[in-house]
């Protein structure tokens, strides 16, 4: 019976481990000890578990001594126009079908290297909706008890095992990575909430970035508007007419801000029939971005 329990536990572990998503690095040292029959202790030395995606260009990017998931694809045209750093949307990964994946794979054919980095988005709290006060109180008590139990089991060194690597640090490392490869022109491209992150980070590394591309980006907070408004780099705002609620109004507001600021470097493009992930219109998205990059940078490069 004891042997049967051990076999079952091992089967569960082997099924679950490949599906765990990584936010940081894991050391190769995993200690597997069996005490009696019912307990298997697995010690993780560094950060949380992560599966390394089997995607083109996957590599680990060193950020403040911690390894972060990233991808890098070199341009294949033979003409290096620059590199694009992609900011994925909340809930998306390095490969985000519909926006990030087609763009990062196709733009290399037109002389643009591509780099993606896993971003850190805060977890959203679970909200319990119920009209029954007793059910709410019972659920809250259960959650509280469970949370206390988890904290007791974590121990006092949990925060030391999970160092916080900010998005600013991640992108700064990505920029340094490209600069080390002698890339002269670096662009930011943010999809959804990733666009908000890109704008926030631009407040600290503006001089290093040649342009900002926004794809389906929602409205900006007042603090982000203060960063966005004085920007003088070329900005390209892309959205679909079937995008999520508020996107079209957000683009309209950004367009008005840029007009009032007298910016001639801002342009917006609506893609008819496109939803938030441009499902079925990925090729149109690629062509739209390629056309803007060509007129904004490539043609001017050839005139020099």
Protein backbone atom coordinates (compact mmCIF):
# COMPACT_ATOMS: atom_id res chain seq x y z
CA UNK A 1 0.00 0.00 0.00
CA UNK A 2 2.87 2.32 0.85
CA UNK A 3 4.55 1.58 -2.48
CA UNK A 4 1.27 2.29 -4.26
CA UNK A 5 1.06 5.75 -2.61
CA UNK A 6 4.57 6.61 -3.70
CA UNK A 7 3.86 5.57 -7.29
CA UNK A 8 0.67 7.64 -7.41
CA UNK A 9 2.43 10.71 -5.99
CA UNK A 10 5.25 10.38 -8.51
CA UNK A 11 2.73 10.10 -11.37
CA UNK A 12 1.02 13.31 -10.26
CA UNK A 13 4.35 15.16 -10.08
CA UNK A 14 5.45 14.06 -13.54
CA UNK A 15 2.14 15.19 -15.03
CA UNK A 16 2.11 18.59 -13.35
CA UNK A 17 5.72 19.75 -13.55
CA UNK A 18 5.86 20.19 -17.38
CA UNK A 19 2.86 22.53 -17.19
CA UNK A 20 4.27 24.93 -14.62
CA UNK A 21 4.97 28.42 -15.94
CA UNK A 22 8.28 30.06 -15.02
CA UNK A 23 8.68 33.70 -14.03
CA UNK A 24 12.34 33.52 -13.15
CA UNK A 25 15.19 31.02 -13.04
CA UNK A 26 15.46 27.60 -11.46
CA UNK A 27 18.74 26.12 -10.38
CA UNK A 28 19.64 22.64 -11.52
CA UNK A 29 19.71 21.48 -7.92
CA UNK A 30 16.38 19.91 -7.05
CA UNK A 31 16.44 17.78 -3.92
CA UNK A 32 14.00 14.90 -3.88
CA UNK A 33 13.70 13.20 -0.51
CA UNK A 34 11.22 10.65 0.71
CA UNK A 35 10.34 10.51 4.37
CA UNK A 36 8.47 7.35 5.28
CA UNK A 37 5.92 6.77 2.60
CA UNK A 38 3.60 9.74 2.38
CA UNK A 39 5.90 12.74 1.93
CA UNK A 40 8.00 13.89 -0.97
CA UNK A 41 9.93 17.11 -0.33
CA UNK A 42 11.01 19.06 -3.41
CA UNK A 43 13.33 21.99 -2.71
CA UNK A 44 13.41 24.82 -5.24
CA UNK A 45 16.52 26.94 -4.71
CA UNK A 46 15.65 29.98 -6.79
CA UNK A 47 12.39 31.67 -7.79
CA UNK A 48 9.35 29.93 -9.20
CA UNK A 49 9.04 27.03 -11.61
CA UNK A 50 8.96 27.77 -15.29
CA UNK A 51 8.78 25.72 -18.45
CA UNK A 52 11.22 26.77 -21.15
CA UNK A 53 9.11 27.37 -24.25
CA UNK A 54 10.13 25.40 -27.31
CA UNK A 55 10.06 28.49 -29.54
CA UNK A 56 12.44 29.92 -32.11
CA UNK A 57 15.13 32.11 -30.64
CA UNK A 58 14.45 31.16 -27.02
CA UNK A 59 17.20 32.08 -24.59
CA UNK A 60 17.77 33.25 -21.04
CA UNK A 61 18.44 36.93 -20.48
CA UNK A 62 20.46 37.87 -17.41
CA UNK A 63 18.67 40.54 -15.38
CA UNK A 64 20.32 41.61 -12.15
CA UNK A 65 21.81 38.15 -11.72
CA UNK A 66 18.52 36.37 -12.42
CA UNK A 67 17.76 34.50 -15.66
CA UNK A 68 14.60 35.70 -17.42
CA UNK A 69 12.86 34.02 -20.36
CA UNK A 70 13.42 35.86 -23.64
CA UNK A 71 13.56 35.28 -27.39
CA UNK A 72 15.84 36.87 -29.96
CA UNK A 73 15.67 36.51 -33.74
CA UNK A 74 18.27 38.12 -36.00
CA UNK A 75 17.13 39.86 -39.19
CA UNK A 76 17.41 37.67 -42.30
CA UNK A 77 17.29 40.36 -44.99
CA UNK A 78 20.99 41.13 -44.82
CA UNK A 79 20.19 44.79 -44.04
CA UNK A 80 19.97 45.67 -40.36
CA UNK A 81 17.42 48.46 -40.02
CA UNK A 82 17.14 48.03 -36.28
CA UNK A 83 15.49 45.86 -33.64
CA UNK A 84 12.02 45.74 -32.09
CA UNK A 85 11.45 44.92 -28.42
CA UNK A 86 7.97 43.43 -27.94
CA UNK A 87 5.86 44.02 -24.83
CA UNK A 88 3.26 41.24 -24.59
CA UNK A 89 -0.24 41.82 -23.24
CA UNK A 90 -1.37 40.86 -19.75
CA UNK A 91 -2.01 37.12 -19.65
CA UNK A 92 0.06 36.49 -22.78
CA UNK A 93 3.48 34.89 -23.13
CA UNK A 94 6.53 35.09 -25.39
CA UNK A 95 4.42 33.56 -28.13
CA UNK A 96 1.11 35.41 -28.28
CA UNK A 97 -0.83 34.12 -31.27
CA UNK A 98 -2.37 36.91 -33.31
CA UNK A 99 0.04 39.78 -32.60
CA UNK A 100 3.45 39.03 -31.08
CA UNK A 101 4.13 35.72 -32.84
CA UNK A 102 3.49 36.77 -36.46
CA UNK A 103 5.19 40.12 -36.02
CA UNK A 104 8.33 38.83 -34.36
CA UNK A 105 8.73 36.08 -36.96
CA UNK A 106 7.92 38.14 -40.06
CA UNK A 107 9.68 41.43 -39.35
CA UNK A 108 13.09 39.72 -39.47
CA UNK A 109 12.47 39.17 -43.20
CA UNK A 110 12.39 42.95 -43.66
CA UNK A 111 15.59 43.79 -41.80
CA UNK A 112 14.24 44.11 -38.23
CA UNK A 113 15.63 41.86 -35.50
CA UNK A 114 13.08 41.02 -32.78
CA UNK A 115 13.37 40.56 -29.03
CA UNK A 116 10.71 39.56 -26.53
CA UNK A 117 11.03 39.43 -22.76
CA UNK A 118 8.62 37.94 -20.22
CA UNK A 119 7.03 40.83 -18.35
CA UNK A 120 5.90 40.86 -14.74
CA UNK A 121 2.22 41.69 -14.32
CA UNK A 122 0.73 41.79 -10.81
CA UNK A 123 -1.81 39.09 -10.16
CA UNK A 124 -5.41 40.25 -10.11
CA UNK A 125 -7.40 39.53 -6.97
CA UNK A 126 -10.24 37.04 -7.18
CA UNK A 127 -13.58 38.74 -6.44
CA UNK A 128 -16.34 36.71 -4.84
CA UNK A 129 -19.81 37.74 -5.98
CA UNK A 130 -22.73 36.49 -3.92
CA UNK A 131 -26.00 37.76 -2.55
CA UNK A 132 -25.85 35.35 0.37
CA UNK A 133 -24.04 36.96 3.32
CA UNK A 134 -23.52 33.62 5.03
CA UNK A 135 -21.84 32.17 1.93
CA UNK A 136 -19.56 35.22 1.71
CA UNK A 137 -18.56 34.98 5.37
CA UNK A 138 -17.91 31.25 5.07
CA UNK A 139 -15.81 31.75 1.96
CA UNK A 140 -13.84 34.59 3.55
CA UNK A 141 -13.14 32.48 6.62
CA UNK A 142 -12.02 29.59 4.43
CA UNK A 143 -9.73 31.83 2.38
CA UNK A 144 -8.29 33.38 5.53
CA UNK A 145 -7.59 29.97 7.07
CA UNK A 146 -6.02 28.68 3.88
CA UNK A 147 -3.86 31.78 3.51
CA UNK A 148 -2.64 31.45 7.08
CA UNK A 149 -1.77 27.82 6.50
CA UNK A 150 0.13 28.69 3.32
CA UNK A 151 2.09 31.43 5.07
CA UNK A 152 3.04 29.07 7.89
CA UNK A 153 4.30 26.51 5.42
CA UNK A 154 6.25 29.05 3.39
CA UNK A 155 8.55 29.99 6.24
CA UNK A 156 10.28 33.27 6.85
CA UNK A 157 12.62 33.13 3.84
CA UNK A 158 9.99 33.20 1.08
CA UNK A 159 10.68 36.80 0.08
CA UNK A 160 14.36 35.96 -0.28
CA UNK A 161 13.55 33.10 -2.65
CA UNK A 162 11.35 35.31 -4.83
CA UNK A 163 13.28 38.50 -5.62
CA UNK A 164 11.30 41.08 -7.53
CA UNK A 165 12.71 41.83 -10.98
CA UNK A 166 10.90 44.92 -12.26
CA UNK A 167 9.84 45.45 -15.86
CA UNK A 168 12.19 48.42 -15.93
CA UNK A 169 15.10 46.13 -15.12
CA UNK A 170 13.97 43.57 -17.69
CA UNK A 171 13.71 46.08 -20.52
CA UNK A 172 16.91 47.87 -19.56
CA UNK A 173 18.67 44.50 -19.81
CA UNK A 174 17.01 43.90 -23.20
CA UNK A 175 18.20 47.28 -24.48
CA UNK A 176 21.73 46.57 -23.22
CA UNK A 177 21.60 43.17 -24.93
CA UNK A 178 20.80 44.79 -28.28
CA UNK A 179 23.32 47.58 -27.84
CA UNK A 180 26.00 44.95 -27.19
CA UNK A 181 25.13 43.57 -30.63
CA UNK A 182 25.75 47.05 -32.06
CA UNK A 183 22.09 47.61 -32.94
CA UNK A 184 21.80 51.31 -33.73
CA UNK A 185 18.02 51.68 -33.75
CA UNK A 186 15.70 50.17 -31.11
CA UNK A 187 11.90 50.35 -31.24
CA UNK A 188 9.28 49.48 -28.63
CA UNK A 189 6.10 47.64 -29.65
CA UNK A 190 3.43 47.11 -27.01
CA UNK A 191 0.27 45.04 -27.38
CA UNK A 192 -2.65 45.80 -25.09
CA UNK A 193 -1.45 46.48 -21.54
CA UNK A 194 2.07 45.94 -22.83
CA UNK A 195 1.75 49.32 -24.53
CA UNK A 196 1.11 50.98 -21.17
CA UNK A 197 4.22 49.29 -19.76
CA UNK A 198 6.27 50.46 -22.75
CA UNK A 199 5.17 54.08 -22.25
CA UNK A 200 5.95 53.93 -18.54
CA UNK A 201 9.46 52.60 -19.17
CA UNK A 202 10.08 55.20 -21.86
CA UNK A 203 10.08 57.89 -19.17
CA UNK A 204 13.47 56.56 -18.03
CA UNK A 205 15.17 55.47 -21.26
CA UNK A 206 13.70 57.83 -23.84
CA UNK A 207 16.97 58.68 -25.58
CA UNK A 208 17.71 55.03 -26.41
CA UNK A 209 14.42 54.35 -28.20
CA UNK A 210 13.75 55.52 -31.76
CA UNK A 211 10.00 54.87 -31.98
CA UNK A 212 6.93 53.57 -30.17
CA UNK A 213 4.37 51.25 -31.78
CA UNK A 214 1.07 50.60 -30.00
CA UNK A 215 -1.26 47.76 -30.96
CA UNK A 216 -4.71 47.69 -29.35
CA UNK A 217 -3.57 49.74 -26.35
CA UNK A 218 -6.22 50.90 -23.85
CA UNK A 219 -6.56 54.37 -22.36
CA UNK A 220 -3.64 55.84 -20.45
CA UNK A 221 -3.65 56.93 -16.84
CA UNK A 222 -2.94 60.58 -16.11
CA UNK A 223 0.65 59.77 -15.15
CA UNK A 224 1.19 57.88 -18.42
CA UNK A 225 -0.37 60.71 -20.40
CA UNK A 226 2.23 63.02 -18.87
CA UNK A 227 4.92 60.70 -20.24
CA UNK A 228 3.23 60.22 -23.60
CA UNK A 229 2.33 63.83 -24.33
CA UNK A 230 5.83 65.31 -24.73
CA UNK A 231 7.18 62.35 -26.72
CA UNK A 232 8.77 63.39 -29.99
CA UNK A 233 9.79 60.00 -31.39
CA UNK A 234 7.65 58.56 -34.18
CA UNK A 235 4.53 56.89 -32.74
CA UNK A 236 2.29 54.46 -34.62
CA UNK A 237 -1.08 53.63 -33.03
CA UNK A 238 -2.73 50.52 -34.56
CA UNK A 239 -6.14 49.20 -33.59
CA UNK A 240 -8.96 47.07 -34.96
CA UNK A 241 -12.52 48.27 -35.43
CA UNK A 242 -13.69 45.19 -33.48
CA UNK A 243 -11.19 45.68 -30.68
CA UNK A 244 -12.21 45.52 -27.03
CA UNK A 245 -14.36 48.31 -25.60
CA UNK A 246 -12.61 51.62 -25.08
CA UNK A 247 -9.67 51.05 -27.43
CA UNK A 248 -11.03 53.22 -30.25
CA UNK A 249 -11.81 56.06 -27.83
CA UNK A 250 -8.33 55.71 -26.30
CA UNK A 251 -6.68 56.08 -29.71
CA UNK A 252 -8.86 59.10 -30.47
CA UNK A 253 -7.73 60.76 -27.23
CA UNK A 254 -4.04 60.05 -27.94
CA UNK A 255 -4.45 61.47 -31.44
CA UNK A 256 -5.97 64.64 -29.98
CA UNK A 257 -3.16 64.97 -27.45
CA UNK A 258 -0.51 64.68 -30.14
CA UNK A 259 -2.32 67.21 -32.35
CA UNK A 260 -2.52 69.72 -29.51
CA UNK A 261 1.17 69.13 -28.75
CA UNK A 262 1.99 69.90 -32.38
CA UNK A 263 3.57 66.51 -32.97
CA UNK A 264 4.00 65.56 -36.61
CA UNK A 265 5.47 62.18 -35.70
CA UNK A 266 2.21 60.57 -34.60
CA UNK A 267 -0.07 58.50 -36.83
CA UNK A 268 -2.88 56.01 -36.23
CA UNK A 269 -4.27 53.23 -38.37
CA UNK A 270 -7.53 51.31 -38.02
CA UNK A 271 -7.65 47.80 -39.46
CA UNK A 272 -11.18 46.88 -40.49
CA UNK A 273 -12.49 43.57 -39.20
CA UNK A 274 -9.69 43.16 -36.67
CA UNK A 275 -10.29 42.18 -33.06
CA UNK A 276 -7.86 42.58 -30.16
CA UNK A 277 -5.58 39.73 -31.32
CA UNK A 278 -6.08 40.40 -35.05
CA UNK A 279 -7.30 36.85 -35.54
CA UNK A 280 -7.34 36.02 -39.25
CA UNK A 281 -5.79 39.39 -40.10
CA UNK A 282 -2.23 38.74 -38.96
CA UNK A 283 -0.90 39.29 -42.50
CA UNK A 284 -2.66 42.64 -42.70
CA UNK A 285 -1.10 43.62 -39.37
CA UNK A 286 2.36 42.64 -40.65
CA UNK A 287 1.90 44.59 -43.89
CA UNK A 288 0.59 47.63 -42.02
CA UNK A 289 3.57 47.72 -39.69
CA UNK A 290 6.04 46.99 -42.48
CA UNK A 291 4.66 49.86 -44.56
CA UNK A 292 4.98 52.32 -41.69
CA UNK A 293 8.52 51.22 -40.86
CA UNK A 294 9.49 51.50 -44.51
CA UNK A 295 8.21 55.05 -44.90
CA UNK A 296 9.43 56.18 -41.48
CA UNK A 297 12.92 54.69 -41.41
CA UNK A 298 13.96 52.51 -44.37
CA UNK A 299 13.36 55.03 -47.15
CA UNK A 300 15.10 57.80 -45.21
CA UNK A 301 18.08 55.49 -44.59
CA UNK A 302 18.45 54.93 -48.31
CA UNK A 303 18.56 58.65 -48.97
CA UNK A 304 21.55 59.11 -46.68
